[in-house]
Amino acid sequence: ASVAIASGKKRYIFDFHCKIKFEIRDPKTDDIIASGSLKLPDICSTHHHELEVEVGGWKKKPSNDNGKTASECRETLVKEIRASVKRFVDDFNNMY
């Protein structure tokens, strides 16, 4: 993160990356049916509309019975993370 001055205005700039570990649990038993990780290699204050999310392989692979559900959960997670980061960056840029 840094502060830049351009045309007499302060601009707050950041460039982050992160790794997210997740578990998908059975809502009835709370058993872990799958787990994995996601990487966000480039979260920045300038071009956040095309947020890249790298989906790693399953750390705990779902069974055949839970495969479709686990994949749908992971896709929903990726979608929500993209939306959440976009809101954060928009709020940050509007404030600063």
PDB file of N, CA and C in Angstrom:
ATOM      1  N   ALA A   1       0.844  -1.167   0.000  1.00  0.00           N
ATOM      2  CA  ALA A   1       0.000   0.000   0.000  1.00  0.00           C
ATOM      3  C   ALA A   1       0.894   1.236   0.000  1.00  0.00           C
ATOM      4  N   SER A   2       0.406   2.301  -0.623  1.00  0.00           N
ATOM      5  CA  SER A   2       1.203   3.527  -0.662  1.00  0.00           C
ATOM      6  C   SER A   2       0.285   4.730  -0.882  1.00  0.00           C
ATOM      7  N   VAL A   3       0.878   5.900  -0.729  1.00  0.00           N
ATOM      8  CA  VAL A   3       0.189   7.164  -0.988  1.00  0.00           C
ATOM      9  C   VAL A   3       0.954   7.860  -2.102  1.00  0.00           C
ATOM     10  N   ALA A   4       0.239   8.287  -3.119  1.00  0.00           N
ATOM     11  CA  ALA A   4       0.863   9.013  -4.230  1.00  0.00           C
ATOM     12  C   ALA A   4       0.177  10.367  -4.365  1.00  0.00           C
ATOM     13  N   ILE A   5       0.941  11.333  -4.807  1.00  0.00           N
ATOM     14  CA  ILE A   5       0.365  12.652  -5.055  1.00  0.00           C
ATOM     15  C   ILE A   5       0.468  12.913  -6.551  1.00  0.00           C
ATOM     16  N   ALA A   6      -0.712  13.104  -7.171  1.00  0.00           N
ATOM     17  CA  ALA A   6      -0.768  13.371  -8.611  1.00  0.00           C
ATOM     18  C   ALA A   6      -1.700  14.560  -8.825  1.00  0.00           C
ATOM     19  N   SER A   7      -1.228  15.531  -9.552  1.00  0.00           N
ATOM     20  CA  SER A   7      -1.998  16.759  -9.815  1.00  0.00           C
ATOM     21  C   SER A   7      -2.439  17.424  -8.519  1.00  0.00           C
ATOM     22  N   GLY A   8      -1.586  17.350  -7.497  1.00  0.00           N
ATOM     23  CA  GLY A   8      -1.892  17.995  -6.222  1.00  0.00           C
ATOM     24  C   GLY A   8      -2.882  17.237  -5.357  1.00  0.00           C
ATOM     25  N   LYS A   9      -3.296  16.052  -5.780  1.00  0.00           N
ATOM     26  CA  LYS A   9      -4.263  15.260  -5.003  1.00  0.00           C
ATOM     27  C   LYS A   9      -3.579  14.018  -4.457  1.00  0.00           C
ATOM     28  N   LYS A  10      -3.925  13.691  -3.210  1.00  0.00           N
ATOM     29  CA  LYS A  10      -3.438  12.454  -2.625  1.00  0.00           C
ATOM     30  C   LYS A  10      -4.243  11.289  -3.178  1.00  0.00           C
ATOM     31  N   ARG A  11      -3.527  10.230  -3.515  1.00  0.00           N
ATOM     32  CA  ARG A  11      -4.193   8.999  -3.962  1.00  0.00           C
ATOM     33  C   ARG A  11      -3.645   7.869  -3.125  1.00  0.00           C
ATOM     34  N   TYR A  12      -4.547   7.053  -2.632  1.00  0.00           N
ATOM     35  CA  TYR A  12      -4.160   5.900  -1.838  1.00  0.00           C
ATOM     36  C   TYR A  12      -4.230   4.675  -2.743  1.00  0.00           C
ATOM     37  N   ILE A  13      -3.137   3.950  -2.815  1.00  0.00           N
ATOM     38  CA  ILE A  13      -3.011   2.844  -3.756  1.00  0.00           C
ATOM     39  C   ILE A  13      -2.614   1.589  -2.983  1.00  0.00           C
ATOM     40  N   PHE A  14      -3.203   0.463  -3.366  1.00  0.00           N
ATOM     41  CA  PHE A  14      -2.776  -0.798  -2.760  1.00  0.00           C
ATOM     42  C   PHE A  14      -2.742  -1.896  -3.808  1.00  0.00           C
ATOM     43  N   ASP A  15      -1.962  -2.894  -3.507  1.00  0.00           N
ATOM     44  CA  ASP A  15      -1.836  -4.067  -4.364  1.00  0.00           C
ATOM     45  C   ASP A  15      -1.579  -5.253  -3.437  1.00  0.00           C
ATOM     46  N   PHE A  16      -2.584  -6.063  -3.215  1.00  0.00           N
ATOM     47  CA  PHE A  16      -2.515  -7.179  -2.279  1.00  0.00           C
ATOM     48  C   PHE A  16      -2.694  -8.506  -3.004  1.00  0.00           C
ATOM     49  N   HIS A  17      -2.382  -9.572  -2.318  1.00  0.00           N
ATOM     50  CA  HIS A  17      -2.703 -10.920  -2.772  1.00  0.00           C
ATOM     51  C   HIS A  17      -3.065 -11.735  -1.527  1.00  0.00           C
ATOM     52  N   CYS A  18      -3.815 -12.785  -1.716  1.00  0.00           N
ATOM     53  CA  CYS A  18      -4.182 -13.608  -0.567  1.00  0.00           C
ATOM     54  C   CYS A  18      -4.499 -15.035  -1.005  1.00  0.00           C
ATOM     55  N   LYS A  19      -4.507 -15.906  -0.015  1.00  0.00           N
ATOM     56  CA  LYS A  19      -4.888 -17.295  -0.212  1.00  0.00           C
ATOM     57  C   LYS A  19      -5.993 -17.582   0.798  1.00  0.00           C
ATOM     58  N   ILE A  20      -7.036 -18.233   0.326  1.00  0.00           N
ATOM     59  CA  ILE A  20      -8.196 -18.530   1.168  1.00  0.00           C
ATOM     60  C   ILE A  20      -8.374 -20.037   1.229  1.00  0.00           C
ATOM     61  N   LYS A  21      -8.419 -20.559   2.438  1.00  0.00           N
ATOM     62  CA  LYS A  21      -8.717 -21.975   2.627  1.00  0.00           C
ATOM     63  C   LYS A  21     -10.189 -22.081   3.002  1.00  0.00           C
ATOM     64  N   PHE A  22     -10.862 -23.102   2.454  1.00  0.00           N
ATOM     65  CA  PHE A  22     -12.275 -23.251   2.760  1.00  0.00           C
ATOM     66  C   PHE A  22     -12.626 -24.714   3.016  1.00  0.00           C
ATOM     67  N   GLU A  23     -13.728 -24.900   3.739  1.00  0.00           N
ATOM     68  CA  GLU A  23     -14.310 -26.222   3.978  1.00  0.00           C
ATOM     69  C   GLU A  23     -15.777 -26.161   3.608  1.00  0.00           C
ATOM     70  N   ILE A  24     -16.261 -27.221   3.023  1.00  0.00           N
ATOM     71  CA  ILE A  24     -17.686 -27.348   2.725  1.00  0.00           C
ATOM     72  C   ILE A  24     -18.222 -28.429   3.650  1.00  0.00           C
ATOM     73  N   ARG A  25     -19.240 -28.077   4.423  1.00  0.00           N
ATOM     74  CA  ARG A  25     -19.767 -28.990   5.433  1.00  0.00           C
ATOM     75  C   ARG A  25     -21.193 -29.415   5.113  1.00  0.00           C
ATOM     76  N   ASP A  26     -21.504 -30.613   5.540  1.00  0.00           N
ATOM     77  CA  ASP A  26     -22.871 -31.126   5.438  1.00  0.00           C
ATOM     78  C   ASP A  26     -23.712 -30.384   6.470  1.00  0.00           C
ATOM     79  N   PRO A  27     -24.789 -29.711   6.044  1.00  0.00           N
ATOM     80  CA  PRO A  27     -25.577 -28.922   6.997  1.00  0.00           C
ATOM     81  C   PRO A  27     -26.286 -29.776   8.062  1.00  0.00           C
ATOM     82  N   LYS A  28     -26.508 -31.022   7.777  1.00  0.00           N
ATOM     83  CA  LYS A  28     -27.201 -31.894   8.744  1.00  0.00           C
ATOM     84  C   LYS A  28     -26.249 -32.442   9.802  1.00  0.00           C
ATOM     85  N   THR A  29     -25.043 -32.842   9.383  1.00  0.00           N
ATOM     86  CA  THR A  29     -24.115 -33.503  10.304  1.00  0.00           C
ATOM     87  C   THR A  29     -22.925 -32.639  10.692  1.00  0.00           C
ATOM     88  N   ASP A  30     -22.696 -31.558   9.980  1.00  0.00           N
ATOM     89  CA  ASP A  30     -21.546 -30.668  10.140  1.00  0.00           C
ATOM     90  C   ASP A  30     -20.233 -31.351   9.768  1.00  0.00           C
ATOM     91  N   ASP A  31     -20.310 -32.504   9.108  1.00  0.00           N
ATOM     92  CA  ASP A  31     -19.119 -33.192   8.619  1.00  0.00           C
ATOM     93  C   ASP A  31     -18.542 -32.439   7.421  1.00  0.00           C
ATOM     94  N   ILE A  32     -17.225 -32.434   7.298  1.00  0.00           N
ATOM     95  CA  ILE A  32     -16.571 -31.811   6.151  1.00  0.00           C
ATOM     96  C   ILE A  32     -16.704 -32.756   4.961  1.00  0.00           C
ATOM     97  N   ILE A  33     -17.355 -32.275   3.900  1.00  0.00           N
ATOM     98  CA  ILE A  33     -17.514 -33.117   2.709  1.00  0.00           C
ATOM     99  C   ILE A  33     -16.489 -32.777   1.633  1.00  0.00           C
ATOM    100  N   ALA A  34     -15.853 -31.590   1.754  1.00  0.00           N
ATOM    101  CA  ALA A  34     -14.810 -31.192   0.803  1.00  0.00           C
ATOM    102  C   ALA A  34     -14.067 -29.993   1.389  1.00  0.00           C
ATOM    103  N   SER A  35     -12.832 -29.813   0.924  1.00  0.00           N
ATOM    104  CA  SER A  35     -12.074 -28.629   1.321  1.00  0.00           C
ATOM    105  C   SER A  35     -11.087 -28.305   0.201  1.00  0.00           C
ATOM    106  N   GLY A  36     -10.611 -27.080   0.231  1.00  0.00           N
ATOM    107  CA  GLY A  36      -9.681 -26.652  -0.802  1.00  0.00           C
ATOM    108  C   GLY A  36      -9.176 -25.257  -0.518  1.00  0.00           C
ATOM    109  N   SER A  37      -8.616 -24.636  -1.544  1.00  0.00           N
ATOM    110  CA  SER A  37      -8.100 -23.281  -1.393  1.00  0.00           C
ATOM    111  C   SER A  37      -8.291 -22.487  -2.681  1.00  0.00           C
ATOM    112  N   LEU A  38      -8.290 -21.190  -2.512  1.00  0.00           N
ATOM    113  CA  LEU A  38      -8.395 -20.237  -3.615  1.00  0.00           C
ATOM    114  C   LEU A  38      -7.268 -19.229  -3.464  1.00  0.00           C
ATOM    115  N   LYS A  39      -6.747 -18.727  -4.563  1.00  0.00           N
ATOM    116  CA  LYS A  39      -5.742 -17.669  -4.534  1.00  0.00           C
ATOM    117  C   LYS A  39      -6.272 -16.462  -5.284  1.00  0.00           C
ATOM    118  N   LEU A  40      -6.060 -15.308  -4.697  1.00  0.00           N
ATOM    119  CA  LEU A  40      -6.362 -14.035  -5.343  1.00  0.00           C
ATOM    120  C   LEU A  40      -5.020 -13.331  -5.520  1.00  0.00           C
ATOM    121  N   PRO A  41      -4.402 -13.468  -6.708  1.00  0.00           N
ATOM    122  CA  PRO A  41      -3.037 -12.980  -6.887  1.00  0.00           C
ATOM    123  C   PRO A  41      -2.906 -11.470  -7.065  1.00  0.00           C
ATOM    124  N   ASP A  42      -4.003 -10.771  -7.336  1.00  0.00           N
ATOM    125  CA  ASP A  42      -3.869  -9.348  -7.656  1.00  0.00           C
ATOM    126  C   ASP A  42      -5.123  -8.584  -7.243  1.00  0.00           C
ATOM    127  N   ILE A  43      -5.169  -8.166  -5.982  1.00  0.00           N
ATOM    128  CA  ILE A  43      -6.253  -7.309  -5.497  1.00  0.00           C
ATOM    129  C   ILE A  43      -5.671  -5.908  -5.420  1.00  0.00           C
ATOM    130  N   CYS A  44      -6.145  -5.021  -6.294  1.00  0.00           N
ATOM    131  CA  CYS A  44      -5.557  -3.687  -6.302  1.00  0.00           C
ATOM    132  C   CYS A  44      -6.631  -2.614  -6.450  1.00  0.00           C
ATOM    133  N   SER A  45      -6.201  -1.395  -6.183  1.00  0.00           N
ATOM    134  CA  SER A  45      -7.133  -0.273  -6.184  1.00  0.00           C
ATOM    135  C   SER A  45      -7.424   0.262  -7.577  1.00  0.00           C
ATOM    136  N   THR A  46      -6.772  -0.275  -8.607  1.00  0.00           N
ATOM    137  CA  THR A  46      -6.964   0.296  -9.945  1.00  0.00           C
ATOM    138  C   THR A  46      -7.791  -0.564 -10.890  1.00  0.00           C
ATOM    139  N   HIS A  47      -7.526  -1.842 -10.993  1.00  0.00           N
ATOM    140  CA  HIS A  47      -8.284  -2.658 -11.952  1.00  0.00           C
ATOM    141  C   HIS A  47      -8.886  -3.884 -11.258  1.00  0.00           C
ATOM    142  N   HIS A  48      -9.913  -3.645 -10.473  1.00  0.00           N
ATOM    143  CA  HIS A  48     -10.528  -4.695  -9.669  1.00  0.00           C
ATOM    144  C   HIS A  48     -11.777  -5.294 -10.307  1.00  0.00           C
ATOM    145  N   HIS A  49     -12.178  -4.805 -11.450  1.00  0.00           N
ATOM    146  CA  HIS A  49     -13.411  -5.310 -12.063  1.00  0.00           C
ATOM    147  C   HIS A  49     -13.219  -6.695 -12.676  1.00  0.00           C
ATOM    148  N   GLU A  50     -11.988  -7.064 -12.957  1.00  0.00           N
ATOM    149  CA  GLU A  50     -11.677  -8.374 -13.525  1.00  0.00           C
ATOM    150  C   GLU A  50     -10.840  -9.171 -12.533  1.00  0.00           C
ATOM    151  N   LEU A  51     -11.337  -9.338 -11.328  1.00  0.00           N
ATOM    152  CA  LEU A  51     -10.584  -9.998 -10.268  1.00  0.00           C
ATOM    153  C   LEU A  51     -10.325 -11.460 -10.605  1.00  0.00           C
ATOM    154  N   GLU A  52      -9.041 -11.811 -10.641  1.00  0.00           N
ATOM    155  CA  GLU A  52      -8.653 -13.186 -10.930  1.00  0.00           C
ATOM    156  C   GLU A  52      -8.726 -14.012  -9.651  1.00  0.00           C
ATOM    157  N   VAL A  53      -9.370 -15.168  -9.739  1.00  0.00           N
ATOM    158  CA  VAL A  53      -9.425 -16.117  -8.637  1.00  0.00           C
ATOM    159  C   VAL A  53      -8.924 -17.452  -9.170  1.00  0.00           C
ATOM    160  N   GLU A  54      -7.814 -17.917  -8.604  1.00  0.00           N
ATOM    161  CA  GLU A  54      -7.255 -19.206  -8.997  1.00  0.00           C
ATOM    162  C   GLU A  54      -7.834 -20.285  -8.085  1.00  0.00           C
ATOM    163  N   VAL A  55      -8.521 -21.232  -8.687  1.00  0.00           N
ATOM    164  CA  VAL A  55      -9.143 -22.316  -7.923  1.00  0.00           C
ATOM    165  C   VAL A  55      -8.173 -23.489  -7.913  1.00  0.00           C
ATOM    166  N   GLY A  56      -7.706 -23.838  -6.720  1.00  0.00           N
ATOM    167  CA  GLY A  56      -6.799 -24.976  -6.588  1.00  0.00           C
ATOM    168  C   GLY A  56      -7.585 -26.280  -6.615  1.00  0.00           C
ATOM    169  N   GLY A  57      -6.873 -27.374  -6.606  1.00  0.00           N
ATOM    170  CA  GLY A  57      -7.533 -28.680  -6.537  1.00  0.00           C
ATOM    171  C   GLY A  57      -8.127 -28.898  -5.157  1.00  0.00           C
ATOM    172  N   TRP A  58      -8.908 -29.906  -5.045  1.00  0.00           N
ATOM    173  CA  TRP A  58      -9.515 -30.236  -3.756  1.00  0.00           C
ATOM    174  C   TRP A  58      -8.439 -30.738  -2.805  1.00  0.00           C
ATOM    175  N   LYS A  59      -8.401 -30.213  -1.591  1.00  0.00           N
ATOM    176  CA  LYS A  59      -7.539 -30.782  -0.568  1.00  0.00           C
ATOM    177  C   LYS A  59      -8.196 -32.058  -0.053  1.00  0.00           C
ATOM    178  N   LYS A  60      -9.507 -31.947   0.198  1.00  0.00           N
ATOM    179  CA  LYS A  60     -10.321 -33.125   0.502  1.00  0.00           C
ATOM    180  C   LYS A  60     -11.347 -33.220  -0.617  1.00  0.00           C
ATOM    181  N   LYS A  61     -11.192 -34.203  -1.458  1.00  0.00           N
ATOM    182  CA  LYS A  61     -12.072 -34.363  -2.616  1.00  0.00           C
ATOM    183  C   LYS A  61     -13.442 -34.872  -2.157  1.00  0.00           C
ATOM    184  N   PRO A  62     -14.514 -34.287  -2.692  1.00  0.00           N
ATOM    185  CA  PRO A  62     -15.859 -34.754  -2.314  1.00  0.00           C
ATOM    186  C   PRO A  62     -16.136 -36.136  -2.898  1.00  0.00           C
ATOM    187  N   SER A  63     -17.000 -36.866  -2.228  1.00  0.00           N
ATOM    188  CA  SER A  63     -17.410 -38.172  -2.753  1.00  0.00           C
ATOM    189  C   SER A  63     -18.249 -37.956  -4.007  1.00  0.00           C
ATOM    190  N   ASN A  64     -18.488 -39.025  -4.742  1.00  0.00           N
ATOM    191  CA  ASN A  64     -19.321 -38.934  -5.947  1.00  0.00           C
ATOM    192  C   ASN A  64     -20.705 -38.395  -5.617  1.00  0.00           C
ATOM    193  N   ASP A  65     -21.238 -38.767  -4.449  1.00  0.00           N
ATOM    194  CA  ASP A  65     -22.563 -38.289  -4.037  1.00  0.00           C
ATOM    195  C   ASP A  65     -22.590 -36.784  -3.783  1.00  0.00           C
ATOM    196  N   ASN A  66     -21.463 -36.234  -3.341  1.00  0.00           N
ATOM    197  CA  ASN A  66     -21.410 -34.811  -2.980  1.00  0.00           C
ATOM    198  C   ASN A  66     -20.671 -33.951  -3.997  1.00  0.00           C
ATOM    199  N   GLY A  67     -20.181 -34.552  -5.077  1.00  0.00           N
ATOM    200  CA  GLY A  67     -19.355 -33.824  -6.032  1.00  0.00           C
ATOM    201  C   GLY A  67     -20.027 -32.616  -6.645  1.00  0.00           C
ATOM    202  N   LYS A  68     -21.248 -32.781  -7.112  1.00  0.00           N
ATOM    203  CA  LYS A  68     -21.960 -31.671  -7.757  1.00  0.00           C
ATOM    204  C   LYS A  68     -22.243 -30.554  -6.755  1.00  0.00           C
ATOM    205  N   THR A  69     -22.700 -30.932  -5.574  1.00  0.00           N
ATOM    206  CA  THR A  69     -23.015 -29.945  -4.537  1.00  0.00           C
ATOM    207  C   THR A  69     -21.763 -29.178  -4.127  1.00  0.00           C
ATOM    208  N   ALA A  70     -20.655 -29.897  -3.929  1.00  0.00           N
ATOM    209  CA  ALA A  70     -19.406 -29.240  -3.529  1.00  0.00           C
ATOM    210  C   ALA A  70     -18.925 -28.281  -4.614  1.00  0.00           C
ATOM    211  N   SER A  71     -18.999 -28.684  -5.871  1.00  0.00           N
ATOM    212  CA  SER A  71     -18.583 -27.804  -6.964  1.00  0.00           C
ATOM    213  C   SER A  71     -19.456 -26.559  -7.041  1.00  0.00           C
ATOM    214  N   GLU A  72     -20.759 -26.723  -6.849  1.00  0.00           N
ATOM    215  CA  GLU A  72     -21.660 -25.572  -6.853  1.00  0.00           C
ATOM    216  C   GLU A  72     -21.357 -24.635  -5.691  1.00  0.00           C
ATOM    217  N   CYS A  73     -21.047 -25.194  -4.520  1.00  0.00           N
ATOM    218  CA  CYS A  73     -20.690 -24.365  -3.361  1.00  0.00           C
ATOM    219  C   CYS A  73     -19.417 -23.573  -3.643  1.00  0.00           C
ATOM    220  N   ARG A  74     -18.431 -24.237  -4.240  1.00  0.00           N
ATOM    221  CA  ARG A  74     -17.171 -23.565  -4.549  1.00  0.00           C
ATOM    222  C   ARG A  74     -17.398 -22.454  -5.564  1.00  0.00           C
ATOM    223  N   GLU A  75     -18.215 -22.697  -6.580  1.00  0.00           N
ATOM    224  CA  GLU A  75     -18.514 -21.666  -7.580  1.00  0.00           C
ATOM    225  C   GLU A  75     -19.220 -20.472  -6.938  1.00  0.00           C
ATOM    226  N   THR A  76     -20.131 -20.751  -6.021  1.00  0.00           N
ATOM    227  CA  THR A  76     -20.831 -19.675  -5.311  1.00  0.00           C
ATOM    228  C   THR A  76     -19.854 -18.884  -4.451  1.00  0.00           C
ATOM    229  N   LEU A  77     -18.941 -19.577  -3.795  1.00  0.00           N
ATOM    230  CA  LEU A  77     -17.925 -18.912  -2.979  1.00  0.00           C
ATOM    231  C   LEU A  77     -17.078 -17.970  -3.830  1.00  0.00           C
ATOM    232  N   VAL A  78     -16.627 -18.433  -4.976  1.00  0.00           N
ATOM    233  CA  VAL A  78     -15.814 -17.601  -5.878  1.00  0.00           C
ATOM    234  C   VAL A  78     -16.605 -16.362  -6.302  1.00  0.00           C
ATOM    235  N   LYS A  79     -17.867 -16.551  -6.653  1.00  0.00           N
ATOM    236  CA  LYS A  79     -18.718 -15.429  -7.074  1.00  0.00           C
ATOM    237  C   LYS A  79     -18.870 -14.410  -5.944  1.00  0.00           C
ATOM    238  N   GLU A  80     -19.109 -14.897  -4.720  1.00  0.00           N
ATOM    239  CA  GLU A  80     -19.292 -13.996  -3.580  1.00  0.00           C
ATOM    240  C   GLU A  80     -17.995 -13.289  -3.202  1.00  0.00           C
ATOM    241  N   ILE A  81     -16.870 -13.972  -3.315  1.00  0.00           N
ATOM    242  CA  ILE A  81     -15.583 -13.332  -3.029  1.00  0.00           C
ATOM    243  C   ILE A  81     -15.327 -12.214  -4.031  1.00  0.00           C
ATOM    244  N   ARG A  82     -15.563 -12.481  -5.302  1.00  0.00           N
ATOM    245  CA  ARG A  82     -15.378 -11.427  -6.324  1.00  0.00           C
ATOM    246  C   ARG A  82     -16.247 -10.209  -6.006  1.00  0.00           C
ATOM    247  N   ALA A  83     -17.508 -10.452  -5.679  1.00  0.00           N
ATOM    248  CA  ALA A  83     -18.430  -9.348  -5.377  1.00  0.00           C
ATOM    249  C   ALA A  83     -17.987  -8.594  -4.118  1.00  0.00           C
ATOM    250  N   SER A  84     -17.544  -9.316  -3.111  1.00  0.00           N
ATOM    251  CA  SER A  84     -17.123  -8.688  -1.857  1.00  0.00           C
ATOM    252  C   SER A  84     -15.873  -7.834  -2.054  1.00  0.00           C
ATOM    253  N   VAL A  85     -14.898  -8.343  -2.787  1.00  0.00           N
ATOM    254  CA  VAL A  85     -13.677  -7.572  -3.046  1.00  0.00           C
ATOM    255  C   VAL A  85     -14.000  -6.340  -3.878  1.00  0.00           C
ATOM    256  N   LYS A  86     -14.864  -6.485  -4.865  1.00  0.00           N
ATOM    257  CA  LYS A  86     -15.251  -5.338  -5.689  1.00  0.00           C
ATOM    258  C   LYS A  86     -15.902  -4.256  -4.825  1.00  0.00           C
ATOM    259  N   ARG A  87     -16.808  -4.657  -3.911  1.00  0.00           N
ATOM    260  CA  ARG A  87     -17.444  -3.679  -3.015  1.00  0.00           C
ATOM    261  C   ARG A  87     -16.405  -2.997  -2.129  1.00  0.00           C
ATOM    262  N   PHE A  88     -15.469  -3.792  -1.589  1.00  0.00           N
ATOM    263  CA  PHE A  88     -14.426  -3.225  -0.742  1.00  0.00           C
ATOM    264  C   PHE A  88     -13.615  -2.182  -1.501  1.00  0.00           C
ATOM    265  N   VAL A  89     -13.158  -2.526  -2.693  1.00  0.00           N
ATOM    266  CA  VAL A  89     -12.319  -1.606  -3.475  1.00  0.00           C
ATOM    267  C   VAL A  89     -13.119  -0.367  -3.869  1.00  0.00           C
ATOM    268  N   ASP A  90     -14.373  -0.541  -4.290  1.00  0.00           N
ATOM    269  CA  ASP A  90     -15.210   0.612  -4.628  1.00  0.00           C
ATOM    270  C   ASP A  90     -15.376   1.524  -3.413  1.00  0.00           C
ATOM    271  N   ASP A  91     -15.666   0.948  -2.245  1.00  0.00           N
ATOM    272  CA  ASP A  91     -15.824   1.744  -1.026  1.00  0.00           C
ATOM    273  C   ASP A  91     -14.516   2.467  -0.680  1.00  0.00           C
ATOM    274  N   PHE A  92     -13.413   1.744  -0.776  1.00  0.00           N
ATOM    275  CA  PHE A  92     -12.102   2.339  -0.487  1.00  0.00           C
ATOM    276  C   PHE A  92     -11.830   3.512  -1.416  1.00  0.00           C
ATOM    277  N   ASN A  93     -12.012   3.295  -2.710  1.00  0.00           N
ATOM    278  CA  ASN A  93     -11.738   4.360  -3.685  1.00  0.00           C
ATOM    279  C   ASN A  93     -12.676   5.546  -3.511  1.00  0.00           C
ATOM    280  N   ASN A  94     -13.917   5.314  -3.142  1.00  0.00           N
ATOM    281  CA  ASN A  94     -14.850   6.422  -2.903  1.00  0.00           C
ATOM    282  C   ASN A  94     -14.493   7.208  -1.658  1.00  0.00           C
ATOM    283  N   MET A  95     -13.940   6.531  -0.646  1.00  0.00           N
ATOM    284  CA  MET A  95     -13.573   7.203   0.587  1.00  0.00           C
ATOM    285  C   MET A  95     -12.267   7.964   0.450  1.00  0.00           C
ATOM    286  N   TYR A  96     -11.336   7.407  -0.324  1.00  0.00           N
ATOM    287  CA  TYR A  96     -10.009   8.017  -0.428  1.00  0.00           C
ATOM    288  C   TYR A  96      -9.751   8.489  -1.832  1.00  0.00           C
TER     289      TYR A  96
END
